[in-house]
Amino acid sequence: MVVADSNVRTLSDPESTWHQRFHSSPMKIEVNDLTIRYGDTTILSGVNLNIRKNEIFGIIGPANSGKTSLLKALNRMDEFTPGMKVTGDIRVNGLDIRHVKNVYGLRRSIGVVFPLPVGLPLTVFENVALAPRLGGMNNRAELNIIVERCLRRAALWDEVKDRLNSLGSLLSGGQQQRLTIARALSQEPDLLMLDEFSIAVDPVTTMRIEDILKELRKEMTIILVTNLVQQARRLADRTAFFLNGECVEIGVTECLFTGQVQDQRTQDYLSGRFG
């Protein structure tokens, strides 16, 4: 099985399929020797991984494995986290994000969806229109188009089109999570990061969001942190397994789930022996 990015052609069928789809795709994210500490505690150590454009990249592992900390580092959210220190090299679209001066521009290009719906104390319309407004757009007709487009892409428009002036916090939990996705999409990101989005969402809504993600992969790169290993299997092109601050293994998802692993700890986790 291929763990690192490679052009080796002696591959099993799932690996061959991945290479056919992505071998010519530009590199979207390159992480080299990434270490994250909170004070004196090391959360991640020496992580190396690459993610291709338009790939859904899954990240699985038990709690406290460093998965969320990786997402924070990719979006420079560590700057809001007291005591969090990031070392190593992170490049997005070839740019070293630690030296990007326009941090706000960087964050606008990266949509983030958190485990629990984070509804702003605004109407449904203003939740989605907020990012375009902050970017300087005030034309109501243009905002109407953006809000409808994002709500449709989040499979929410038909449910809320008559409630756009109601508070987003009055929506159901599943609707609020899809509103969060619509708000993230209103930034027009080329990278979408989801951190266990289905924790507070019912199974039907979870499947609807999964269908949305399959469509969005045509337009953007997606990083999916999930505590549901079968969700990673359904969605991710490749999956990384994190354990105790280490990136244990990265592989084509279907290969990992059919036992083609290089580390027994990966097999033990996927088979439910711990975690």
Protein backbone atom coordinates (compact mmCIF):
# COMPACT_ATOMS: atom_id res chain seq x y z
CA MET A 1 0.00 0.00 0.00
CA VAL A 2 1.15 3.54 -0.74
CA VAL A 3 1.44 5.69 2.36
CA ALA A 4 3.28 8.73 1.00
CA ASP A 5 2.43 10.42 -2.26
CA SER A 6 4.03 8.37 -5.00
CA ASN A 7 3.89 7.49 -8.67
CA VAL A 8 4.46 3.79 -8.08
CA ARG A 9 2.24 1.89 -10.49
CA THR A 10 2.21 -1.58 -8.87
CA LEU A 11 -0.99 -0.86 -7.03
CA SER A 12 -4.10 -2.62 -5.84
CA ASP A 13 -7.35 -1.55 -7.52
CA PRO A 14 -8.40 1.17 -5.02
CA GLU A 15 -4.92 2.66 -5.09
CA SER A 16 -4.87 2.57 -8.86
CA THR A 17 -8.21 4.37 -8.95
CA TRP A 18 -6.90 7.05 -6.59
CA HIS A 19 -3.80 7.58 -8.72
CA GLN A 20 -5.85 7.78 -11.91
CA ARG A 21 -7.99 10.50 -10.35
CA PHE A 22 -5.36 12.50 -8.49
CA HIS A 23 -1.83 11.84 -9.77
CA SER A 24 -2.01 14.91 -12.00
CA SER A 25 -3.93 17.08 -9.54
CA PRO A 26 -1.99 20.01 -8.02
CA MET A 27 -0.87 19.71 -4.43
CA LYS A 28 -3.27 21.62 -2.20
CA ILE A 29 -1.71 21.15 1.25
CA GLU A 30 1.80 20.12 2.23
CA VAL A 31 2.61 19.53 5.89
CA ASN A 32 6.19 18.77 6.88
CA ASP A 33 7.51 17.97 10.36
CA LEU A 34 4.55 19.65 12.06
CA THR A 35 4.69 19.75 15.87
CA ILE A 36 2.02 21.34 18.05
CA ARG A 37 2.39 22.02 21.76
CA TYR A 38 0.16 23.47 24.43
CA GLY A 39 2.59 24.80 27.00
CA ASP A 40 4.88 21.89 27.83
CA THR A 41 2.48 19.26 26.44
CA THR A 42 3.09 17.95 22.94
CA ILE A 43 -0.17 17.28 21.09
CA LEU A 44 1.23 16.43 17.65
CA SER A 45 4.78 15.50 16.78
CA GLY A 46 6.55 15.29 13.42
CA VAL A 47 3.46 15.05 11.22
CA ASN A 48 4.01 14.80 7.46
CA LEU A 49 1.17 14.65 4.96
CA ASN A 50 0.11 15.90 1.54
CA ILE A 51 -3.41 16.54 0.26
CA ARG A 52 -4.32 16.93 -3.41
CA LYS A 53 -6.73 19.44 -4.90
CA ASN A 54 -10.38 18.22 -4.93
CA GLU A 55 -9.54 15.31 -2.66
CA ILE A 56 -11.64 14.41 0.36
CA PHE A 57 -9.04 13.64 3.00
CA GLY A 58 -10.28 11.84 6.09
CA ILE A 59 -8.68 12.01 9.52
CA ILE A 60 -9.65 9.45 12.14
CA GLY A 61 -8.41 8.48 15.58
CA PRO A 62 -9.41 8.45 19.25
CA ALA A 63 -10.06 11.61 21.24
CA ASN A 64 -7.00 13.69 22.12
CA SER A 65 -5.03 12.44 19.13
CA GLY A 66 -4.36 15.95 17.81
CA LYS A 67 -6.89 15.96 14.95
CA THR A 68 -8.59 19.26 15.83
CA SER A 69 -5.25 20.88 16.60
CA LEU A 70 -4.14 20.11 13.05
CA LEU A 71 -7.17 21.95 11.67
CA LYS A 72 -6.42 24.93 13.92
CA ALA A 73 -2.86 25.06 12.62
CA LEU A 74 -4.03 24.91 9.00
CA ASN A 75 -6.25 27.96 9.55
CA ARG A 76 -3.84 29.75 11.92
CA MET A 77 -6.47 29.56 14.63
CA ASP A 78 -3.61 28.83 17.02
CA GLU A 79 -3.20 32.60 17.17
CA PHE A 80 -6.46 32.67 19.17
CA THR A 81 -5.46 29.78 21.44
CA PRO A 82 -3.37 30.72 24.49
CA GLY A 83 -0.30 28.55 24.94
CA MET A 84 -0.58 26.84 21.55
CA LYS A 85 2.72 26.75 19.66
CA VAL A 86 3.11 25.47 16.10
CA THR A 87 6.43 24.55 14.49
CA GLY A 88 7.15 22.96 11.13
CA ASP A 89 6.16 23.81 7.59
CA ILE A 90 2.57 24.16 6.35
CA ARG A 91 1.96 25.17 2.75
CA VAL A 92 -1.42 25.82 1.14
CA ASN A 93 -1.32 26.30 -2.62
CA GLY A 94 2.46 26.40 -2.29
CA LEU A 95 2.45 29.31 0.16
CA ASP A 96 3.95 29.01 3.64
CA ILE A 97 0.92 30.01 5.71
CA ARG A 98 3.04 30.95 8.73
CA HIS A 99 4.42 33.83 6.68
CA VAL A 100 1.23 34.92 4.90
CA LYS A 101 0.67 38.55 5.84
CA ASN A 102 -3.00 38.68 4.85
CA VAL A 103 -4.27 36.26 7.48
CA TYR A 104 -7.87 37.31 6.93
CA GLY A 105 -7.58 36.50 3.24
CA LEU A 106 -6.17 33.08 4.16
CA ARG A 107 -9.06 32.37 6.51
CA ARG A 108 -11.63 33.52 3.95
CA SER A 109 -10.31 30.84 1.60
CA ILE A 110 -10.77 28.14 4.24
CA GLY A 111 -14.28 27.29 5.42
CA VAL A 112 -14.56 25.58 8.79
CA VAL A 113 -17.49 23.60 10.21
CA PHE A 114 -17.26 22.72 13.90
CA PRO A 115 -18.73 19.72 15.78
CA LEU A 116 -21.71 21.65 17.16
CA PRO A 117 -23.73 24.14 15.11
CA VAL A 118 -22.49 27.64 15.80
CA GLY A 119 -25.50 29.81 14.97
CA LEU A 120 -24.80 33.51 15.13
CA PRO A 121 -27.50 35.66 16.80
CA LEU A 122 -28.67 36.76 13.37
CA THR A 123 -31.41 35.89 10.92
CA VAL A 124 -30.96 32.97 8.54
CA PHE A 125 -30.27 35.46 5.76
CA GLU A 126 -27.70 37.46 7.73
CA ASN A 127 -25.91 34.30 8.90
CA VAL A 128 -25.09 33.52 5.28
CA ALA A 129 -24.65 37.12 4.15
CA LEU A 130 -22.21 38.00 6.92
CA ALA A 131 -18.98 36.95 5.17
CA PRO A 132 -19.84 38.70 1.88
CA ARG A 133 -20.77 41.84 3.85
CA LEU A 134 -17.46 41.72 5.71
CA GLY A 135 -15.80 41.45 2.31
CA GLY A 136 -17.41 44.72 1.29
CA MET A 137 -20.52 43.56 -0.57
CA ASN A 138 -23.64 45.54 0.28
CA ASN A 139 -25.74 45.21 -2.88
CA ARG A 140 -28.95 43.53 -1.75
CA ALA A 141 -29.65 41.86 -5.10
CA GLU A 142 -26.18 40.31 -5.16
CA LEU A 143 -26.52 39.20 -1.55
CA ASN A 144 -29.86 37.58 -2.35
CA ILE A 145 -28.20 35.54 -5.08
CA ILE A 146 -25.33 34.46 -2.83
CA VAL A 147 -27.59 33.52 0.08
CA GLU A 148 -29.91 31.43 -2.10
CA ARG A 149 -27.00 29.73 -3.85
CA CYS A 150 -25.27 28.79 -0.58
CA LEU A 151 -28.47 27.58 1.06
CA ARG A 152 -29.23 25.43 -1.99
CA ARG A 153 -25.72 23.97 -1.95
CA ALA A 154 -26.24 23.13 1.72
CA ALA A 155 -29.59 21.44 0.90
CA LEU A 156 -31.42 23.92 3.12
CA TRP A 157 -33.09 26.41 0.79
CA ASP A 158 -36.43 24.63 0.42
CA GLU A 159 -36.79 24.37 4.20
CA VAL A 160 -35.96 27.99 5.06
CA LYS A 161 -36.81 30.10 2.00
CA ASP A 162 -39.91 31.40 3.80
CA ARG A 163 -38.02 31.93 7.07
CA LEU A 164 -35.04 33.96 5.95
CA ASN A 165 -35.86 36.75 8.39
CA SER A 166 -36.21 34.40 11.37
CA LEU A 167 -33.35 33.79 13.78
CA GLY A 168 -31.05 31.01 12.68
CA SER A 169 -30.99 29.77 16.28
CA LEU A 170 -34.66 28.80 15.96
CA LEU A 171 -33.88 26.16 13.36
CA SER A 172 -33.54 22.50 14.29
CA GLY A 173 -30.10 21.14 15.14
CA GLY A 174 -29.68 19.54 11.73
CA GLN A 175 -30.83 22.68 9.97
CA GLN A 176 -28.43 24.79 12.04
CA GLN A 177 -25.54 22.55 11.04
CA ARG A 178 -26.46 22.92 7.37
CA LEU A 179 -26.75 26.67 7.95
CA THR A 180 -23.19 26.55 9.29
CA ILE A 181 -22.11 24.85 6.06
CA ALA A 182 -23.96 27.48 4.00
CA ARG A 183 -22.20 30.21 5.97
CA ALA A 184 -18.83 28.56 5.34
CA LEU A 185 -19.61 28.30 1.63
CA SER A 186 -20.52 32.00 1.46
CA GLN A 187 -16.79 32.72 1.88
CA GLU A 188 -16.27 30.96 -1.47
CA PRO A 189 -13.53 28.78 0.04
CA ASP A 190 -11.32 26.45 -1.95
CA LEU A 191 -10.70 24.38 1.18
CA LEU A 192 -13.46 23.15 3.51
CA MET A 193 -12.56 21.61 6.88
CA LEU A 194 -15.18 19.73 8.90
CA ASP A 195 -14.53 18.70 12.49
CA GLU A 196 -16.89 15.87 13.47
CA PHE A 197 -19.86 17.69 11.95
CA SER A 198 -22.29 14.86 12.70
CA ILE A 199 -21.91 14.69 16.49
CA ALA A 200 -25.18 16.57 17.13
CA VAL A 201 -26.95 15.66 13.90
CA ASP A 202 -29.48 12.88 13.30
CA PRO A 203 -28.61 10.06 10.88
CA VAL A 204 -30.90 11.29 8.10
CA THR A 205 -29.38 14.77 8.16
CA THR A 206 -25.90 13.25 8.36
CA MET A 207 -26.52 11.35 5.14
CA ARG A 208 -27.85 14.52 3.47
CA ILE A 209 -24.71 16.41 4.44
CA GLU A 210 -22.57 13.54 3.17
CA ASP A 211 -24.31 13.81 -0.19
CA ILE A 212 -23.56 17.55 -0.17
CA LEU A 213 -19.87 16.87 0.45
CA LYS A 214 -19.71 14.44 -2.45
CA GLU A 215 -20.96 17.23 -4.71
CA LEU A 216 -18.70 19.89 -3.22
CA ARG A 217 -15.58 17.81 -3.89
CA LYS A 218 -15.92 18.88 -7.54
CA GLU A 219 -15.27 22.48 -6.48
CA MET A 220 -12.96 22.32 -3.49
CA THR A 221 -10.67 20.25 -1.31
CA ILE A 222 -12.27 18.81 1.83
CA ILE A 223 -10.67 17.70 5.08
CA LEU A 224 -13.01 15.53 7.12
CA VAL A 225 -12.18 14.86 10.77
CA THR A 226 -14.61 12.22 11.96
CA ASN A 227 -15.11 9.92 14.91
CA LEU A 228 -17.19 7.63 12.69
CA VAL A 229 -14.82 5.35 10.82
CA GLN A 230 -17.53 4.20 8.42
CA GLN A 231 -18.18 7.84 7.51
CA ALA A 232 -14.54 8.12 6.49
CA ARG A 233 -14.95 4.98 4.43
CA ARG A 234 -18.00 6.37 2.65
CA LEU A 235 -16.51 9.77 1.86
CA ALA A 236 -12.72 9.96 1.99
CA ASP A 237 -10.41 9.27 -0.92
CA ARG A 238 -7.53 8.78 1.50
CA THR A 239 -7.53 8.59 5.28
CA ALA A 240 -4.96 9.38 7.95
CA PHE A 241 -5.00 7.61 11.30
CA PHE A 242 -3.85 9.69 14.27
CA LEU A 243 -2.99 8.20 17.66
CA ASN A 244 -1.41 9.82 20.71
CA GLY A 245 -0.10 12.78 18.74
CA GLU A 246 1.33 10.71 15.91
CA CYS A 247 0.17 10.34 12.33
CA VAL A 248 0.45 6.57 12.33
CA GLU A 249 -0.54 5.87 8.75
CA ILE A 250 -2.01 7.41 5.60
CA GLY A 251 -3.52 5.31 2.87
CA VAL A 252 -6.18 5.00 0.23
CA THR A 253 -9.30 4.62 2.34
CA GLU A 254 -10.69 1.43 0.86
CA CYS A 255 -7.28 -0.22 1.18
CA LEU A 256 -7.15 0.57 4.89
CA PHE A 257 -10.61 -0.86 5.42
CA THR A 258 -9.82 -4.05 3.57
CA GLY A 259 -6.84 -4.81 5.78
CA GLN A 260 -4.04 -3.39 3.63
CA VAL A 261 -2.39 -1.54 6.50
CA GLN A 262 1.24 -1.06 7.43
CA ASP A 263 0.75 -0.65 11.16
CA GLN A 264 -1.17 -3.08 13.36
CA ARG A 265 -2.49 -0.18 15.43
CA THR A 266 -4.44 1.01 12.40
CA GLN A 267 -6.04 -2.39 11.98
CA ASP A 268 -6.85 -2.59 15.67
CA TYR A 269 -8.57 0.81 15.60
CA LEU A 270 -10.55 0.11 12.44
CA SER A 271 -11.70 -3.22 13.82
CA GLY A 272 -12.92 -1.59 17.04
CA ARG A 273 -10.37 -3.10 19.41
CA PHE A 274 -9.85 0.33 20.96
CA GLY A 275 -10.95 3.92 20.52
